[in-house]
Amino acid sequence: MGPQILIPISLFLMIFGIVYLIYSTRNRERLALIEKGVDASIFLKGKINGGSAWKIFVVNLAFLLIGSGAGIFLALLITTYTSLNDGAVYPSIIFIMAGIGLLVGFKTAKDLDKE
């Protein structure tokens, strides 16, 4: 067994350990709250808001990808019709448009969260 096989095995063990630690800690916290007599409905509150978290993530990702695509297209137009350096135009326009996309996604997600 060479050192090449140790890397995937250690990665798997690390991921398993993190997941096990999260679930065991969450279970201990819930048992401690139940022993103190706290209402169990606090565990269901996260489930209701959890559905909107995925919507917000998808909306932000969509606007990020739209902004990046628009940035690539805009950088292509700029470099085609001007004599600007490709190395400076592409990253700057892509980052600017991706940032605008994230800003629009944030404002849209804020409106979705109000509903």
PDB file of N, CA and C in Angstrom:
ATOM      1  N   MET A   1       0.859  -1.175   0.000  1.00  0.00           N
ATOM      2  CA  MET A   1       0.000   0.000   0.000  1.00  0.00           C
ATOM      3  C   MET A   1       0.901   1.234   0.000  1.00  0.00           C
ATOM      4  N   GLY A   2       0.879   1.941  -1.125  1.00  0.00           N
ATOM      5  CA  GLY A   2       1.748   3.093  -1.282  1.00  0.00           C
ATOM      6  C   GLY A   2       1.141   4.351  -0.679  1.00  0.00           C
ATOM      7  N   PRO A   3       1.903   5.414  -0.688  1.00  0.00           N
ATOM      8  CA  PRO A   3       1.396   6.678  -0.132  1.00  0.00           C
ATOM      9  C   PRO A   3       0.280   7.294  -0.977  1.00  0.00           C
ATOM     10  N   GLN A   4       0.125   6.834  -2.238  1.00  0.00           N
ATOM     11  CA  GLN A   4      -0.928   7.399  -3.085  1.00  0.00           C
ATOM     12  C   GLN A   4      -2.317   7.034  -2.566  1.00  0.00           C
ATOM     13  N   ILE A   5      -2.461   5.872  -1.968  1.00  0.00           N
ATOM     14  CA  ILE A   5      -3.768   5.436  -1.478  1.00  0.00           C
ATOM     15  C   ILE A   5      -4.129   6.091  -0.149  1.00  0.00           C
ATOM     16  N   LEU A   6      -3.136   6.621   0.568  1.00  0.00           N
ATOM     17  CA  LEU A   6      -3.404   7.232   1.869  1.00  0.00           C
ATOM     18  C   LEU A   6      -4.168   8.546   1.748  1.00  0.00           C
ATOM     19  N   ILE A   7      -3.971   9.266   0.662  1.00  0.00           N
ATOM     20  CA  ILE A   7      -4.644  10.552   0.495  1.00  0.00           C
ATOM     21  C   ILE A   7      -6.157  10.374   0.352  1.00  0.00           C
ATOM     22  N   PRO A   8      -6.675   9.518  -0.555  1.00  0.00           N
ATOM     23  CA  PRO A   8      -8.135   9.343  -0.620  1.00  0.00           C
ATOM     24  C   PRO A   8      -8.728   8.758   0.661  1.00  0.00           C
ATOM     25  N   ILE A   9      -7.998   7.846   1.288  1.00  0.00           N
ATOM     26  CA  ILE A   9      -8.515   7.261   2.529  1.00  0.00           C
ATOM     27  C   ILE A   9      -8.594   8.323   3.616  1.00  0.00           C
ATOM     28  N   SER A  10      -7.574   9.151   3.761  1.00  0.00           N
ATOM     29  CA  SER A  10      -7.599  10.189   4.795  1.00  0.00           C
ATOM     30  C   SER A  10      -8.650  11.251   4.484  1.00  0.00           C
ATOM     31  N   LEU A  11      -8.861  11.554   3.209  1.00  0.00           N
ATOM     32  CA  LEU A  11      -9.909  12.512   2.847  1.00  0.00           C
ATOM     33  C   LEU A  11     -11.281  11.963   3.220  1.00  0.00           C
ATOM     34  N   PHE A  12     -11.524  10.688   2.903  1.00  0.00           N
ATOM     35  CA  PHE A  12     -12.794  10.062   3.261  1.00  0.00           C
ATOM     36  C   PHE A  12     -12.993  10.051   4.767  1.00  0.00           C
ATOM     37  N   LEU A  13     -11.961   9.690   5.518  1.00  0.00           N
ATOM     38  CA  LEU A  13     -12.071   9.652   6.972  1.00  0.00           C
ATOM     39  C   LEU A  13     -12.314  11.039   7.559  1.00  0.00           C
ATOM     40  N   MET A  14     -11.706  12.068   6.974  1.00  0.00           N
ATOM     41  CA  MET A  14     -11.906  13.422   7.460  1.00  0.00           C
ATOM     42  C   MET A  14     -13.355  13.869   7.226  1.00  0.00           C
ATOM     43  N   ILE A  15     -13.882  13.612   6.037  1.00  0.00           N
ATOM     44  CA  ILE A  15     -15.265  13.987   5.740  1.00  0.00           C
ATOM     45  C   ILE A  15     -16.228  13.219   6.641  1.00  0.00           C
ATOM     46  N   PHE A  16     -15.985  11.915   6.817  1.00  0.00           N
ATOM     47  CA  PHE A  16     -16.827  11.113   7.702  1.00  0.00           C
ATOM     48  C   PHE A  16     -16.773  11.656   9.133  1.00  0.00           C
ATOM     49  N   GLY A  17     -15.596  12.022   9.613  1.00  0.00           N
ATOM     50  CA  GLY A  17     -15.461  12.551  10.965  1.00  0.00           C
ATOM     51  C   GLY A  17     -16.208  13.860  11.161  1.00  0.00           C
ATOM     52  N   ILE A  18     -16.139  14.733  10.172  1.00  0.00           N
ATOM     53  CA  ILE A  18     -16.847  16.015  10.280  1.00  0.00           C
ATOM     54  C   ILE A  18     -18.355  15.798  10.312  1.00  0.00           C
ATOM     55  N   VAL A  19     -18.863  14.950   9.417  1.00  0.00           N
ATOM     56  CA  VAL A  19     -20.303  14.684   9.387  1.00  0.00           C
ATOM     57  C   VAL A  19     -20.752  14.020  10.684  1.00  0.00           C
ATOM     58  N   TYR A  20     -19.980  13.051  11.172  1.00  0.00           N
ATOM     59  CA  TYR A  20     -20.323  12.383  12.431  1.00  0.00           C
ATOM     60  C   TYR A  20     -20.349  13.372  13.589  1.00  0.00           C
ATOM     61  N   LEU A  21     -19.364  14.270  13.638  1.00  0.00           N
ATOM     62  CA  LEU A  21     -19.300  15.257  14.717  1.00  0.00           C
ATOM     63  C   LEU A  21     -20.501  16.199  14.676  1.00  0.00           C
ATOM     64  N   ILE A  22     -20.894  16.620  13.490  1.00  0.00           N
ATOM     65  CA  ILE A  22     -22.046  17.524  13.359  1.00  0.00           C
ATOM     66  C   ILE A  22     -23.314  16.848  13.853  1.00  0.00           C
ATOM     67  N   TYR A  23     -23.564  15.617  13.387  1.00  0.00           N
ATOM     68  CA  TYR A  23     -24.800  14.942  13.766  1.00  0.00           C
ATOM     69  C   TYR A  23     -24.820  14.541  15.243  1.00  0.00           C
ATOM     70  N   SER A  24     -23.700  14.110  15.779  1.00  0.00           N
ATOM     71  CA  SER A  24     -23.694  13.723  17.191  1.00  0.00           C
ATOM     72  C   SER A  24     -23.858  14.946  18.095  1.00  0.00           C
ATOM     73  N   THR A  25     -23.254  16.063  17.726  1.00  0.00           N
ATOM     74  CA  THR A  25     -23.409  17.287  18.520  1.00  0.00           C
ATOM     75  C   THR A  25     -24.842  17.790  18.461  1.00  0.00           C
ATOM     76  N   ARG A  26     -25.435  17.745  17.275  1.00  0.00           N
ATOM     77  CA  ARG A  26     -26.825  18.195  17.137  1.00  0.00           C
ATOM     78  C   ARG A  26     -27.751  17.303  17.962  1.00  0.00           C
ATOM     79  N   ASN A  27     -27.493  15.996  17.969  1.00  0.00           N
ATOM     80  CA  ASN A  27     -28.316  15.076  18.734  1.00  0.00           C
ATOM     81  C   ASN A  27     -28.191  15.356  20.232  1.00  0.00           C
ATOM     82  N   ARG A  28     -26.957  15.603  20.708  1.00  0.00           N
ATOM     83  CA  ARG A  28     -26.764  15.911  22.126  1.00  0.00           C
ATOM     84  C   ARG A  28     -27.461  17.209  22.523  1.00  0.00           C
ATOM     85  N   GLU A  29     -27.405  18.211  21.653  1.00  0.00           N
ATOM     86  CA  GLU A  29     -28.074  19.485  21.952  1.00  0.00           C
ATOM     87  C   GLU A  29     -29.572  19.292  22.049  1.00  0.00           C
ATOM     88  N   ARG A  30     -30.130  18.536  21.129  1.00  0.00           N
ATOM     89  CA  ARG A  30     -31.582  18.305  21.154  1.00  0.00           C
ATOM     90  C   ARG A  30     -32.000  17.519  22.388  1.00  0.00           C
ATOM     91  N   LEU A  31     -31.224  16.501  22.750  1.00  0.00           N
ATOM     92  CA  LEU A  31     -31.554  15.738  23.955  1.00  0.00           C
ATOM     93  C   LEU A  31     -31.477  16.613  25.198  1.00  0.00           C
ATOM     94  N   ALA A  32     -30.492  17.502  25.271  1.00  0.00           N
ATOM     95  CA  ALA A  32     -30.369  18.394  26.431  1.00  0.00           C
ATOM     96  C   ALA A  32     -31.563  19.351  26.500  1.00  0.00           C
ATOM     97  N   LEU A  33     -32.015  19.849  25.355  1.00  0.00           N
ATOM     98  CA  LEU A  33     -33.170  20.744  25.365  1.00  0.00           C
ATOM     99  C   LEU A  33     -34.440  20.003  25.742  1.00  0.00           C
ATOM    100  N   ILE A  34     -34.587  18.773  25.281  1.00  0.00           N
ATOM    101  CA  ILE A  34     -35.779  17.996  25.618  1.00  0.00           C
ATOM    102  C   ILE A  34     -35.789  17.666  27.111  1.00  0.00           C
ATOM    103  N   GLU A  35     -34.618  17.369  27.688  1.00  0.00           N
ATOM    104  CA  GLU A  35     -34.550  17.085  29.121  1.00  0.00           C
ATOM    105  C   GLU A  35     -34.935  18.292  29.961  1.00  0.00           C
ATOM    106  N   LYS A  36     -34.648  19.496  29.453  1.00  0.00           N
ATOM    107  CA  LYS A  36     -35.000  20.706  30.201  1.00  0.00           C
ATOM    108  C   LYS A  36     -36.453  21.084  30.007  1.00  0.00           C
ATOM    109  N   GLY A  37     -37.159  20.372  29.117  1.00  0.00           N
ATOM    110  CA  GLY A  37     -38.581  20.631  28.923  1.00  0.00           C
ATOM    111  C   GLY A  37     -38.882  21.706  27.908  1.00  0.00           C
ATOM    112  N   VAL A  38     -37.964  22.020  27.028  1.00  0.00           N
ATOM    113  CA  VAL A  38     -38.199  23.024  25.988  1.00  0.00           C
ATOM    114  C   VAL A  38     -39.105  22.411  24.924  1.00  0.00           C
ATOM    115  N   ASP A  39     -39.994  23.224  24.364  1.00  0.00           N
ATOM    116  CA  ASP A  39     -40.930  22.748  23.347  1.00  0.00           C
ATOM    117  C   ASP A  39     -40.170  22.270  22.107  1.00  0.00           C
ATOM    118  N   ALA A  40     -40.582  21.163  21.545  1.00  0.00           N
ATOM    119  CA  ALA A  40     -39.892  20.570  20.401  1.00  0.00           C
ATOM    120  C   ALA A  40     -40.189  21.300  19.097  1.00  0.00           C
ATOM    121  N   SER A  41     -41.066  22.279  19.109  1.00  0.00           N
ATOM    122  CA  SER A  41     -41.400  22.988  17.871  1.00  0.00           C
ATOM    123  C   SER A  41     -40.241  23.855  17.375  1.00  0.00           C
ATOM    124  N   ILE A  42     -39.238  24.109  18.201  1.00  0.00           N
ATOM    125  CA  ILE A  42     -38.095  24.907  17.733  1.00  0.00           C
ATOM    126  C   ILE A  42     -37.290  24.161  16.683  1.00  0.00           C
ATOM    127  N   PHE A  43     -37.403  22.826  16.644  1.00  0.00           N
ATOM    128  CA  PHE A  43     -36.686  22.056  15.635  1.00  0.00           C
ATOM    129  C   PHE A  43     -37.351  22.172  14.274  1.00  0.00           C
ATOM    130  N   LEU A  44     -38.641  22.489  14.240  1.00  0.00           N
ATOM    131  CA  LEU A  44     -39.366  22.585  12.972  1.00  0.00           C
ATOM    132  C   LEU A  44     -39.231  23.957  12.338  1.00  0.00           C
ATOM    133  N   LYS A  45     -38.848  24.967  13.096  1.00  0.00           N
ATOM    134  CA  LYS A  45     -38.708  26.316  12.544  1.00  0.00           C
ATOM    135  C   LYS A  45     -37.642  26.375  11.472  1.00  0.00           C
ATOM    136  N   GLY A  46     -36.552  25.671  11.634  1.00  0.00           N
ATOM    137  CA  GLY A  46     -35.481  25.645  10.644  1.00  0.00           C
ATOM    138  C   GLY A  46     -35.924  24.988   9.352  1.00  0.00           C
ATOM    139  N   LYS A  47     -36.843  24.020   9.432  1.00  0.00           N
ATOM    140  CA  LYS A  47     -37.314  23.326   8.235  1.00  0.00           C
ATOM    141  C   LYS A  47     -38.143  24.261   7.365  1.00  0.00           C
ATOM    142  N   ILE A  48     -38.934  25.115   7.986  1.00  0.00           N
ATOM    143  CA  ILE A  48     -39.783  26.030   7.220  1.00  0.00           C
ATOM    144  C   ILE A  48     -38.919  27.053   6.487  1.00  0.00           C
ATOM    145  N   ASN A  49     -37.938  27.631   7.162  1.00  0.00           N
ATOM    146  CA  ASN A  49     -37.072  28.620   6.534  1.00  0.00           C
ATOM    147  C   ASN A  49     -36.037  27.984   5.620  1.00  0.00           C
ATOM    148  N   GLY A  50     -35.787  26.686   5.788  1.00  0.00           N
ATOM    149  CA  GLY A  50     -34.799  26.004   4.971  1.00  0.00           C
ATOM    150  C   GLY A  50     -35.199  25.952   3.502  1.00  0.00           C
ATOM    151  N   GLY A  51     -36.505  25.912   3.222  1.00  0.00           N
ATOM    152  CA  GLY A  51     -36.961  25.886   1.839  1.00  0.00           C
ATOM    153  C   GLY A  51     -36.634  27.180   1.118  1.00  0.00           C
ATOM    154  N   SER A  52     -36.743  28.298   1.810  1.00  0.00           N
ATOM    155  CA  SER A  52     -36.465  29.578   1.163  1.00  0.00           C
ATOM    156  C   SER A  52     -34.956  29.794   1.012  1.00  0.00           C
ATOM    157  N   ALA A  53     -34.150  29.126   1.824  1.00  0.00           N
ATOM    158  CA  ALA A  53     -32.698  29.283   1.699  1.00  0.00           C
ATOM    159  C   ALA A  53     -32.218  28.736   0.360  1.00  0.00           C
ATOM    160  N   TRP A  54     -32.794  27.630  -0.086  1.00  0.00           N
ATOM    161  CA  TRP A  54     -32.404  27.072  -1.377  1.00  0.00           C
ATOM    162  C   TRP A  54     -32.845  27.984  -2.516  1.00  0.00           C
ATOM    163  N   LYS A  55     -34.018  28.603  -2.375  1.00  0.00           N
ATOM    164  CA  LYS A  55     -34.469  29.551  -3.409  1.00  0.00           C
ATOM    165  C   LYS A  55     -33.511  30.725  -3.516  1.00  0.00           C
ATOM    166  N   ILE A  56     -33.093  31.234  -2.385  1.00  0.00           N
ATOM    167  CA  ILE A  56     -32.176  32.377  -2.368  1.00  0.00           C
ATOM    168  C   ILE A  56     -30.836  31.990  -2.986  1.00  0.00           C
ATOM    169  N   PHE A  57     -30.340  30.784  -2.664  1.00  0.00           N
ATOM    170  CA  PHE A  57     -29.081  30.316  -3.235  1.00  0.00           C
ATOM    171  C   PHE A  57     -29.182  30.180  -4.748  1.00  0.00           C
ATOM    172  N   VAL A  58     -30.270  29.613  -5.220  1.00  0.00           N
ATOM    173  CA  VAL A  58     -30.448  29.417  -6.664  1.00  0.00           C
ATOM    174  C   VAL A  58     -30.574  30.761  -7.380  1.00  0.00           C
ATOM    175  N   VAL A  59     -31.303  31.705  -6.791  1.00  0.00           N
ATOM    176  CA  VAL A  59     -31.456  33.031  -7.407  1.00  0.00           C
ATOM    177  C   VAL A  59     -30.099  33.732  -7.487  1.00  0.00           C
ATOM    178  N   ASN A  60     -29.318  33.687  -6.406  1.00  0.00           N
ATOM    179  CA  ASN A  60     -28.002  34.327  -6.420  1.00  0.00           C
ATOM    180  C   ASN A  60     -27.064  33.662  -7.411  1.00  0.00           C
ATOM    181  N   LEU A  61     -27.086  32.331  -7.481  1.00  0.00           N
ATOM    182  CA  LEU A  61     -26.244  31.618  -8.433  1.00  0.00           C
ATOM    183  C   LEU A  61     -26.646  31.950  -9.867  1.00  0.00           C
ATOM    184  N   ALA A  62     -27.950  32.026 -10.119  1.00  0.00           N
ATOM    185  CA  ALA A  62     -28.418  32.347 -11.465  1.00  0.00           C
ATOM    186  C   ALA A  62     -27.962  33.746 -11.885  1.00  0.00           C
ATOM    187  N   PHE A  63     -28.111  34.714 -11.008  1.00  0.00           N
ATOM    188  CA  PHE A  63     -27.682  36.071 -11.358  1.00  0.00           C
ATOM    189  C   PHE A  63     -26.165  36.173 -11.480  1.00  0.00           C
ATOM    190  N   LEU A  64     -25.431  35.396 -10.686  1.00  0.00           N
ATOM    191  CA  LEU A  64     -23.974  35.376 -10.814  1.00  0.00           C
ATOM    192  C   LEU A  64     -23.569  34.831 -12.179  1.00  0.00           C
ATOM    193  N   LEU A  65     -24.181  33.727 -12.608  1.00  0.00           N
ATOM    194  CA  LEU A  65     -23.844  33.145 -13.901  1.00  0.00           C
ATOM    195  C   LEU A  65     -24.283  34.039 -15.062  1.00  0.00           C
ATOM    196  N   ILE A  66     -25.446  34.674 -14.924  1.00  0.00           N
ATOM    197  CA  ILE A  66     -25.898  35.607 -15.962  1.00  0.00           C
ATOM    198  C   ILE A  66     -24.929  36.780 -16.061  1.00  0.00           C
ATOM    199  N   GLY A  67     -24.511  37.318 -14.919  1.00  0.00           N
ATOM    200  CA  GLY A  67     -23.564  38.431 -14.927  1.00  0.00           C
ATOM    201  C   GLY A  67     -22.217  38.035 -15.503  1.00  0.00           C
ATOM    202  N   SER A  68     -21.737  36.826 -15.190  1.00  0.00           N
ATOM    203  CA  SER A  68     -20.454  36.365 -15.740  1.00  0.00           C
ATOM    204  C   SER A  68     -20.550  36.190 -17.252  1.00  0.00           C
ATOM    205  N   GLY A  69     -21.649  35.603 -17.715  1.00  0.00           N
ATOM    206  CA  GLY A  69     -21.831  35.434 -19.162  1.00  0.00           C
ATOM    207  C   GLY A  69     -21.920  36.765 -19.877  1.00  0.00           C
ATOM    208  N   ALA A  70     -22.659  37.697 -19.294  1.00  0.00           N
ATOM    209  CA  ALA A  70     -22.752  39.022 -19.900  1.00  0.00           C
ATOM    210  C   ALA A  70     -21.392  39.724 -19.880  1.00  0.00           C
ATOM    211  N   GLY A  71     -20.610  39.495 -18.842  1.00  0.00           N
ATOM    212  CA  GLY A  71     -19.271  40.084 -18.754  1.00  0.00           C
ATOM    213  C   GLY A  71     -18.338  39.541 -19.824  1.00  0.00           C
ATOM    214  N   ILE A  72     -18.405  38.228 -20.070  1.00  0.00           N
ATOM    215  CA  ILE A  72     -17.579  37.638 -21.128  1.00  0.00           C
ATOM    216  C   ILE A  72     -17.969  38.200 -22.483  1.00  0.00           C
ATOM    217  N   PHE A  73     -19.271  38.293 -22.731  1.00  0.00           N
ATOM    218  CA  PHE A  73     -19.742  38.830 -24.005  1.00  0.00           C
ATOM    219  C   PHE A  73     -19.353  40.298 -24.166  1.00  0.00           C
ATOM    220  N   LEU A  74     -19.517  41.086 -23.114  1.00  0.00           N
ATOM    221  CA  LEU A  74     -19.162  42.503 -23.175  1.00  0.00           C
ATOM    222  C   LEU A  74     -17.652  42.682 -23.363  1.00  0.00           C
ATOM    223  N   ALA A  75     -16.845  41.856 -22.703  1.00  0.00           N
ATOM    224  CA  ALA A  75     -15.391  41.934 -22.870  1.00  0.00           C
ATOM    225  C   ALA A  75     -14.993  41.552 -24.292  1.00  0.00           C
ATOM    226  N   LEU A  76     -15.672  40.574 -24.876  1.00  0.00           N
ATOM    227  CA  LEU A  76     -15.399  40.203 -26.261  1.00  0.00           C
ATOM    228  C   LEU A  76     -15.705  41.356 -27.205  1.00  0.00           C
ATOM    229  N   LEU A  77     -16.826  42.033 -26.979  1.00  0.00           N
ATOM    230  CA  LEU A  77     -17.167  43.193 -27.814  1.00  0.00           C
ATOM    231  C   LEU A  77     -16.143  44.317 -27.648  1.00  0.00           C
ATOM    232  N   ILE A  78     -15.739  44.567 -26.418  1.00  0.00           N
ATOM    233  CA  ILE A  78     -14.787  45.650 -26.169  1.00  0.00           C
ATOM    234  C   ILE A  78     -13.443  45.356 -26.821  1.00  0.00           C
ATOM    235  N   THR A  79     -12.944  44.123 -26.689  1.00  0.00           N
ATOM    236  CA  THR A  79     -11.640  43.804 -27.266  1.00  0.00           C
ATOM    237  C   THR A  79     -11.694  43.716 -28.791  1.00  0.00           C
ATOM    238  N   THR A  80     -12.859  43.399 -29.344  1.00  0.00           N
ATOM    239  CA  THR A  80     -12.987  43.325 -30.805  1.00  0.00           C
ATOM    240  C   THR A  80     -12.977  44.708 -31.429  1.00  0.00           C
ATOM    241  N   TYR A  81     -13.684  45.647 -30.833  1.00  0.00           N
ATOM    242  CA  TYR A  81     -13.863  46.954 -31.451  1.00  0.00           C
ATOM    243  C   TYR A  81     -12.947  48.040 -30.898  1.00  0.00           C
ATOM    244  N   THR A  82     -12.072  47.698 -29.946  1.00  0.00           N
ATOM    245  CA  THR A  82     -11.091  48.669 -29.450  1.00  0.00           C
ATOM    246  C   THR A  82      -9.711  48.022 -29.476  1.00  0.00           C
ATOM    247  N   SER A  83      -8.717  48.790 -29.168  1.00  0.00           N
ATOM    248  CA  SER A  83      -7.349  48.256 -29.145  1.00  0.00           C
ATOM    249  C   SER A  83      -6.861  48.037 -27.720  1.00  0.00           C
ATOM    250  N   LEU A  84      -7.784  47.796 -26.812  1.00  0.00           N
ATOM    251  CA  LEU A  84      -7.410  47.567 -25.411  1.00  0.00           C
ATOM    252  C   LEU A  84      -6.801  46.183 -25.244  1.00  0.00           C
ATOM    253  N   ASN A  85      -6.011  46.016 -24.186  1.00  0.00           N
ATOM    254  CA  ASN A  85      -5.321  44.763 -23.905  1.00  0.00           C
ATOM    255  C   ASN A  85      -6.317  43.707 -23.407  1.00  0.00           C
ATOM    256  N   ASP A  86      -6.290  42.508 -24.031  1.00  0.00           N
ATOM    257  CA  ASP A  86      -7.208  41.438 -23.639  1.00  0.00           C
ATOM    258  C   ASP A  86      -7.003  41.008 -22.189  1.00  0.00           C
ATOM    259  N   GLY A  87      -5.753  40.975 -21.752  1.00  0.00           N
ATOM    260  CA  GLY A  87      -5.430  40.499 -20.411  1.00  0.00           C
ATOM    261  C   GLY A  87      -6.012  41.358 -19.307  1.00  0.00           C
ATOM    262  N   ALA A  88      -6.263  42.617 -19.578  1.00  0.00           N
ATOM    263  CA  ALA A  88      -6.823  43.497 -18.559  1.00  0.00           C
ATOM    264  C   ALA A  88      -8.337  43.624 -18.682  1.00  0.00           C
ATOM    265  N   VAL A  89      -8.850  43.528 -19.901  1.00  0.00           N
ATOM    266  CA  VAL A  89     -10.276  43.770 -20.112  1.00  0.00           C
ATOM    267  C   VAL A  89     -11.119  42.599 -19.614  1.00  0.00           C
ATOM    268  N   TYR A  90     -10.738  41.381 -19.969  1.00  0.00           N
ATOM    269  CA  TYR A  90     -11.557  40.223 -19.633  1.00  0.00           C
ATOM    270  C   TYR A  90     -11.794  40.059 -18.131  1.00  0.00           C
ATOM    271  N   PRO A  91     -10.749  39.996 -17.302  1.00  0.00           N
ATOM    272  CA  PRO A  91     -11.031  39.813 -15.866  1.00  0.00           C
ATOM    273  C   PRO A  91     -11.805  40.976 -15.252  1.00  0.00           C
ATOM    274  N   SER A  92     -11.468  42.194 -15.647  1.00  0.00           N
ATOM    275  CA  SER A  92     -12.138  43.340 -15.022  1.00  0.00           C
ATOM    276  C   SER A  92     -13.619  43.383 -15.372  1.00  0.00           C
ATOM    277  N   ILE A  93     -13.953  43.197 -16.634  1.00  0.00           N
ATOM    278  CA  ILE A  93     -15.365  43.254 -17.027  1.00  0.00           C
ATOM    279  C   ILE A  93     -16.138  42.066 -16.450  1.00  0.00           C
ATOM    280  N   ILE A  94     -15.517  40.890 -16.420  1.00  0.00           N
ATOM    281  CA  ILE A  94     -16.199  39.719 -15.857  1.00  0.00           C
ATOM    282  C   ILE A  94     -16.486  39.936 -14.374  1.00  0.00           C
ATOM    283  N   PHE A  95     -15.500  40.440 -13.626  1.00  0.00           N
ATOM    284  CA  PHE A  95     -15.721  40.669 -12.194  1.00  0.00           C
ATOM    285  C   PHE A  95     -16.741  41.773 -11.952  1.00  0.00           C
ATOM    286  N   ILE A  96     -16.707  42.815 -12.755  1.00  0.00           N
ATOM    287  CA  ILE A  96     -17.686  43.903 -12.591  1.00  0.00           C
ATOM    288  C   ILE A  96     -19.092  43.392 -12.847  1.00  0.00           C
ATOM    289  N   MET A  97     -19.276  42.655 -13.941  1.00  0.00           N
ATOM    290  CA  MET A  97     -20.610  42.159 -14.271  1.00  0.00           C
ATOM    291  C   MET A  97     -21.072  41.085 -13.283  1.00  0.00           C
ATOM    292  N   ALA A  98     -20.154  40.245 -12.789  1.00  0.00           N
ATOM    293  CA  ALA A  98     -20.524  39.250 -11.781  1.00  0.00           C
ATOM    294  C   ALA A  98     -20.937  39.940 -10.482  1.00  0.00           C
ATOM    295  N   GLY A  99     -20.247  41.006 -10.118  1.00  0.00           N
ATOM    296  CA  GLY A  99     -20.626  41.769  -8.927  1.00  0.00           C
ATOM    297  C   GLY A  99     -21.978  42.423  -9.076  1.00  0.00           C
ATOM    298  N   ILE A 100     -22.256  42.970 -10.250  1.00  0.00           N
ATOM    299  CA  ILE A 100     -23.579  43.554 -10.504  1.00  0.00           C
ATOM    300  C   ILE A 100     -24.642  42.467 -10.441  1.00  0.00           C
ATOM    301  N   GLY A 101     -24.321  41.286 -10.995  1.00  0.00           N
ATOM    302  CA  GLY A 101     -25.266  40.171 -10.932  1.00  0.00           C
ATOM    303  C   GLY A 101     -25.550  39.742  -9.503  1.00  0.00           C
ATOM    304  N   LEU A 102     -24.519  39.690  -8.660  1.00  0.00           N
ATOM    305  CA  LEU A 102     -24.736  39.336  -7.260  1.00  0.00           C
ATOM    306  C   LEU A 102     -25.531  40.399  -6.522  1.00  0.00           C
ATOM    307  N   LEU A 103     -25.311  41.661  -6.854  1.00  0.00           N
ATOM    308  CA  LEU A 103     -26.074  42.736  -6.229  1.00  0.00           C
ATOM    309  C   LEU A 103     -27.553  42.642  -6.602  1.00  0.00           C
ATOM    310  N   VAL A 104     -27.832  42.389  -7.876  1.00  0.00           N
ATOM    311  CA  VAL A 104     -29.225  42.220  -8.315  1.00  0.00           C
ATOM    312  C   VAL A 104     -29.831  40.977  -7.665  1.00  0.00           C
ATOM    313  N   GLY A 105     -29.043  39.897  -7.568  1.00  0.00           N
ATOM    314  CA  GLY A 105     -29.523  38.687  -6.918  1.00  0.00           C
ATOM    315  C   GLY A 105     -29.821  38.913  -5.449  1.00  0.00           C
ATOM    316  N   PHE A 106     -29.006  39.709  -4.782  1.00  0.00           N
ATOM    317  CA  PHE A 106     -29.242  40.019  -3.368  1.00  0.00           C
ATOM    318  C   PHE A 106     -30.537  40.786  -3.190  1.00  0.00           C
ATOM    319  N   LYS A 107     -30.742  41.778  -4.064  1.00  0.00           N
ATOM    320  CA  LYS A 107     -31.978  42.561  -3.950  1.00  0.00           C
ATOM    321  C   LYS A 107     -33.203  41.697  -4.274  1.00  0.00           C
ATOM    322  N   THR A 108     -33.090  40.804  -5.240  1.00  0.00           N
ATOM    323  CA  THR A 108     -34.207  39.904  -5.564  1.00  0.00           C
ATOM    324  C   THR A 108     -34.443  38.914  -4.430  1.00  0.00           C
ATOM    325  N   ALA A 109     -33.380  38.393  -3.827  1.00  0.00           N
ATOM    326  CA  ALA A 109     -33.520  37.460  -2.714  1.00  0.00           C
ATOM    327  C   ALA A 109     -34.142  38.135  -1.509  1.00  0.00           C
ATOM    328  N   LYS A 110     -33.815  39.422  -1.302  1.00  0.00           N
ATOM    329  CA  LYS A 110     -34.424  40.155  -0.201  1.00  0.00           C
ATOM    330  C   LYS A 110     -35.924  40.282  -0.408  1.00  0.00           C
ATOM    331  N   ASP A 111     -36.346  40.493  -1.664  1.00  0.00           N
ATOM    332  CA  ASP A 111     -37.778  40.551  -1.963  1.00  0.00           C
ATOM    333  C   ASP A 111     -38.433  39.185  -1.781  1.00  0.00           C
ATOM    334  N   LEU A 112     -37.724  38.109  -2.150  1.00  0.00           N
ATOM    335  CA  LEU A 112     -38.264  36.756  -1.960  1.00  0.00           C
ATOM    336  C   LEU A 112     -38.395  36.415  -0.490  1.00  0.00           C
ATOM    337  N   ASP A 113     -37.474  36.909   0.325  1.00  0.00           N
ATOM    338  CA  ASP A 113     -37.501  36.608   1.757  1.00  0.00           C
ATOM    339  C   ASP A 113     -38.662  37.304   2.452  1.00  0.00           C
ATOM    340  N   LYS A 114     -39.120  38.429   1.907  1.00  0.00           N
ATOM    341  CA  LYS A 114     -40.260  39.143   2.509  1.00  0.00           C
ATOM    342  C   LYS A 114     -41.567  38.378   2.324  1.00  0.00           C
ATOM    343  N   GLU A 115     -41.646  37.581   1.259  1.00  0.00           N
ATOM    344  CA  GLU A 115     -42.897  36.859   0.968  1.00  0.00           C
ATOM    345  C   GLU A 115     -43.183  35.746   1.923  1.00  0.00           C
TER     346      GLU A 115
END
